[in-house]
Amino acid sequence: MAERNEGGLQKLANNWSSPLVARDQKQLDRFSGGILNARTLANEDSLGTGPKNRIKIGKKVAYPVESLIEWMQAKVASSCSNQ
């Protein structure tokens, strides 16, 4: 099942027109269809388990699309292995 989700997650990246996704709920909703939450990402970042290569300018945070997809794929894989 994780392999099937990886293809679906890659479609998110292919459909996104920018190299970055802001950690803003509206942006995350548009990018992920509502499955990502800005607070969850902020919490994961504070624990050091969030997406790699985040960019911070002032109070704004963004992630490279590929880093966000890789992080989502790891989450899918770990949730599948826990079942």
N, C-alpha and C. Protein backbone atom coordinates (compact mmCIF):
# COMPACT_ATOMS: atom_id res chain seq x y z
N MET A 1 0.82 -1.20 0.00
CA MET A 1 0.00 0.00 0.00
C MET A 1 0.86 1.26 0.00
N ALA A 2 2.00 1.23 0.71
CA ALA A 2 2.88 2.40 0.76
C ALA A 2 3.38 2.76 -0.63
N GLU A 3 3.66 1.75 -1.46
CA GLU A 3 4.14 2.02 -2.82
C GLU A 3 3.09 2.76 -3.63
N ARG A 4 1.83 2.37 -3.48
CA ARG A 4 0.75 3.02 -4.21
C ARG A 4 0.63 4.48 -3.77
N ASN A 5 0.77 4.74 -2.46
CA ASN A 5 0.67 6.11 -1.95
C ASN A 5 1.81 6.98 -2.43
N GLU A 6 3.01 6.40 -2.62
CA GLU A 6 4.14 7.19 -3.09
C GLU A 6 3.85 7.81 -4.45
N GLY A 7 3.22 7.05 -5.34
CA GLY A 7 2.85 7.59 -6.64
C GLY A 7 1.84 8.71 -6.52
N GLY A 8 0.89 8.54 -5.62
CA GLY A 8 -0.12 9.57 -5.39
C GLY A 8 0.49 10.83 -4.81
N LEU A 9 1.42 10.65 -3.89
CA LEU A 9 2.08 11.81 -3.30
C LEU A 9 2.94 12.54 -4.33
N GLN A 10 3.56 11.80 -5.21
CA GLN A 10 4.38 12.43 -6.26
C GLN A 10 3.50 13.26 -7.19
N LYS A 11 2.24 12.85 -7.37
CA LYS A 11 1.32 13.64 -8.18
C LYS A 11 1.08 15.01 -7.56
N LEU A 12 1.10 15.07 -6.22
CA LEU A 12 0.95 16.37 -5.56
C LEU A 12 2.07 17.31 -6.00
N ALA A 13 3.29 16.79 -6.01
CA ALA A 13 4.44 17.60 -6.41
C ALA A 13 4.33 18.01 -7.87
N ASN A 14 3.91 17.09 -8.71
CA ASN A 14 3.80 17.39 -10.14
C ASN A 14 2.75 18.45 -10.44
N ASN A 15 1.72 18.52 -9.61
CA ASN A 15 0.64 19.49 -9.82
C ASN A 15 0.90 20.84 -9.17
N TRP A 16 1.95 20.96 -8.37
CA TRP A 16 2.24 22.19 -7.65
C TRP A 16 3.15 23.07 -8.49
N SER A 17 2.79 24.32 -8.66
CA SER A 17 3.51 25.20 -9.59
C SER A 17 4.74 25.89 -8.99
N SER A 18 4.93 25.80 -7.70
CA SER A 18 6.04 26.48 -7.04
C SER A 18 7.03 25.45 -6.49
N PRO A 19 8.30 25.83 -6.36
CA PRO A 19 9.27 24.90 -5.75
C PRO A 19 9.12 24.81 -4.23
N LEU A 20 8.32 25.70 -3.63
CA LEU A 20 8.14 25.74 -2.18
C LEU A 20 6.66 25.63 -1.81
N VAL A 21 6.42 25.11 -0.60
CA VAL A 21 5.08 25.10 -0.02
C VAL A 21 5.18 25.80 1.33
N ALA A 22 4.41 26.87 1.52
CA ALA A 22 4.45 27.61 2.77
C ALA A 22 3.74 26.82 3.86
N ARG A 23 4.24 26.97 5.09
CA ARG A 23 3.58 26.34 6.23
C ARG A 23 2.43 27.25 6.68
N ASP A 24 1.49 27.39 5.81
CA ASP A 24 0.29 28.21 5.99
C ASP A 24 -0.87 27.27 5.68
N GLN A 25 -1.91 27.27 6.51
CA GLN A 25 -2.96 26.28 6.36
C GLN A 25 -3.63 26.33 4.98
N LYS A 26 -3.84 27.52 4.45
CA LYS A 26 -4.45 27.60 3.11
C LYS A 26 -3.56 26.97 2.05
N GLN A 27 -2.25 27.26 2.11
CA GLN A 27 -1.31 26.67 1.15
C GLN A 27 -1.26 25.16 1.31
N LEU A 28 -1.18 24.70 2.55
CA LEU A 28 -1.12 23.25 2.80
C LEU A 28 -2.39 22.55 2.34
N ASP A 29 -3.53 23.20 2.53
CA ASP A 29 -4.80 22.61 2.06
C ASP A 29 -4.80 22.48 0.54
N ARG A 30 -4.33 23.53 -0.14
CA ARG A 30 -4.30 23.47 -1.61
C ARG A 30 -3.30 22.42 -2.09
N PHE A 31 -2.17 22.32 -1.41
CA PHE A 31 -1.14 21.37 -1.82
C PHE A 31 -1.58 19.93 -1.57
N SER A 32 -2.11 19.67 -0.37
CA SER A 32 -2.35 18.28 0.05
C SER A 32 -3.80 17.84 0.01
N GLY A 33 -4.70 18.73 -0.35
CA GLY A 33 -6.11 18.36 -0.31
C GLY A 33 -6.66 18.32 1.11
N GLY A 34 -5.97 18.95 2.03
CA GLY A 34 -6.46 19.05 3.40
C GLY A 34 -5.92 18.00 4.36
N ILE A 35 -4.96 17.17 3.93
CA ILE A 35 -4.48 16.13 4.84
C ILE A 35 -3.32 16.59 5.73
N LEU A 36 -2.74 17.75 5.45
CA LEU A 36 -1.67 18.28 6.29
C LEU A 36 -2.19 19.44 7.13
N ASN A 37 -1.66 19.55 8.34
CA ASN A 37 -2.04 20.62 9.22
C ASN A 37 -0.80 21.45 9.56
N ALA A 38 -0.92 22.76 9.50
CA ALA A 38 0.21 23.65 9.77
C ALA A 38 0.73 23.47 11.19
N ARG A 39 -0.15 23.26 12.16
CA ARG A 39 0.29 23.06 13.55
C ARG A 39 1.08 21.77 13.70
N THR A 40 0.64 20.73 13.03
CA THR A 40 1.37 19.46 13.08
C THR A 40 2.78 19.63 12.55
N LEU A 41 2.90 20.32 11.42
CA LEU A 41 4.23 20.57 10.85
C LEU A 41 5.08 21.42 11.79
N ALA A 42 4.49 22.42 12.42
CA ALA A 42 5.23 23.25 13.37
C ALA A 42 5.70 22.41 14.55
N ASN A 43 4.84 21.54 15.05
CA ASN A 43 5.23 20.66 16.16
C ASN A 43 6.34 19.71 15.75
N GLU A 44 6.21 19.12 14.57
CA GLU A 44 7.25 18.20 14.08
C GLU A 44 8.57 18.95 13.91
N ASP A 45 8.52 20.17 13.41
CA ASP A 45 9.74 20.98 13.27
C ASP A 45 10.40 21.21 14.62
N SER A 46 9.59 21.53 15.63
CA SER A 46 10.15 21.81 16.96
C SER A 46 10.78 20.56 17.58
N LEU A 47 10.30 19.39 17.19
CA LEU A 47 10.86 18.13 17.69
C LEU A 47 12.05 17.65 16.85
N GLY A 48 12.29 18.34 15.74
CA GLY A 48 13.37 17.94 14.85
C GLY A 48 13.00 16.80 13.92
N THR A 49 11.70 16.53 13.80
CA THR A 49 11.24 15.41 12.96
C THR A 49 10.42 15.89 11.76
N GLY A 50 10.44 17.18 11.51
CA GLY A 50 9.69 17.72 10.38
C GLY A 50 10.43 17.55 9.07
N PRO A 51 9.84 18.04 8.00
CA PRO A 51 10.50 17.96 6.69
C PRO A 51 11.87 18.64 6.71
N LYS A 52 12.81 18.07 5.98
CA LYS A 52 14.17 18.61 5.91
C LYS A 52 14.20 19.88 5.06
N ASN A 53 15.27 20.64 5.22
CA ASN A 53 15.57 21.81 4.39
C ASN A 53 14.53 22.92 4.45
N ARG A 54 13.88 23.07 5.59
CA ARG A 54 12.89 24.15 5.68
C ARG A 54 13.57 25.49 5.52
N ILE A 55 12.81 26.44 5.03
CA ILE A 55 13.29 27.80 4.80
C ILE A 55 12.50 28.71 5.72
N LYS A 56 13.17 29.54 6.45
CA LYS A 56 12.50 30.45 7.37
C LYS A 56 12.93 31.87 7.04
N ILE A 57 11.96 32.73 6.79
CA ILE A 57 12.21 34.15 6.54
C ILE A 57 11.30 34.91 7.50
N GLY A 58 11.90 35.51 8.50
CA GLY A 58 11.11 36.14 9.56
C GLY A 58 10.32 35.06 10.28
N LYS A 59 9.01 35.23 10.32
CA LYS A 59 8.14 34.24 10.96
C LYS A 59 7.57 33.24 9.97
N LYS A 60 7.82 33.45 8.70
CA LYS A 60 7.28 32.57 7.66
C LYS A 60 8.19 31.37 7.46
N VAL A 61 7.57 30.20 7.29
CA VAL A 61 8.30 28.96 7.06
C VAL A 61 7.77 28.32 5.79
N ALA A 62 8.67 27.77 4.99
CA ALA A 62 8.28 27.05 3.77
C ALA A 62 9.18 25.83 3.63
N TYR A 63 8.70 24.88 2.84
CA TYR A 63 9.44 23.64 2.60
C TYR A 63 9.61 23.44 1.11
N PRO A 64 10.77 22.96 0.70
CA PRO A 64 10.89 22.54 -0.70
C PRO A 64 9.89 21.41 -0.95
N VAL A 65 9.25 21.41 -2.09
CA VAL A 65 8.21 20.42 -2.40
C VAL A 65 8.75 19.01 -2.22
N GLU A 66 9.94 18.73 -2.74
CA GLU A 66 10.47 17.37 -2.66
C GLU A 66 10.72 16.94 -1.22
N SER A 67 11.16 17.87 -0.35
CA SER A 67 11.38 17.54 1.06
C SER A 67 10.06 17.22 1.75
N LEU A 68 9.03 17.98 1.41
CA LEU A 68 7.71 17.74 2.00
C LEU A 68 7.15 16.39 1.54
N ILE A 69 7.31 16.08 0.27
CA ILE A 69 6.84 14.78 -0.25
C ILE A 69 7.60 13.63 0.42
N GLU A 70 8.92 13.76 0.54
CA GLU A 70 9.71 12.71 1.20
C GLU A 70 9.25 12.50 2.64
N TRP A 71 8.98 13.58 3.35
CA TRP A 71 8.51 13.50 4.73
C TRP A 71 7.15 12.81 4.79
N MET A 72 6.25 13.18 3.86
CA MET A 72 4.93 12.54 3.82
C MET A 72 5.07 11.05 3.50
N GLN A 73 5.95 10.69 2.59
CA GLN A 73 6.16 9.28 2.25
C GLN A 73 6.67 8.50 3.45
N ALA A 74 7.57 9.11 4.22
CA ALA A 74 8.08 8.44 5.43
C ALA A 74 6.96 8.24 6.44
N LYS A 75 6.07 9.22 6.56
CA LYS A 75 4.94 9.10 7.48
C LYS A 75 3.99 7.99 7.04
N VAL A 76 3.73 7.89 5.74
CA VAL A 76 2.87 6.83 5.22
C VAL A 76 3.50 5.48 5.49
N ALA A 77 4.81 5.37 5.22
CA ALA A 77 5.52 4.11 5.42
C ALA A 77 5.51 3.69 6.89
N SER A 78 5.72 4.64 7.79
CA SER A 78 5.76 4.29 9.21
C SER A 78 4.37 3.94 9.73
N SER A 79 3.33 4.59 9.22
CA SER A 79 1.97 4.25 9.66
C SER A 79 1.54 2.90 9.12
N CYS A 80 2.02 2.53 7.94
CA CYS A 80 1.69 1.22 7.37
C CYS A 80 2.41 0.11 8.12
N SER A 81 3.63 0.38 8.58
CA SER A 81 4.39 -0.66 9.28
C SER A 81 3.88 -0.85 10.71
N ASN A 82 3.14 0.13 11.23
CA ASN A 82 2.59 0.03 12.59
C ASN A 82 1.30 -0.77 12.63
N GLN A 83 0.74 -1.09 11.49
CA GLN A 83 -0.55 -1.79 11.47
C GLN A 83 -0.38 -3.27 11.54
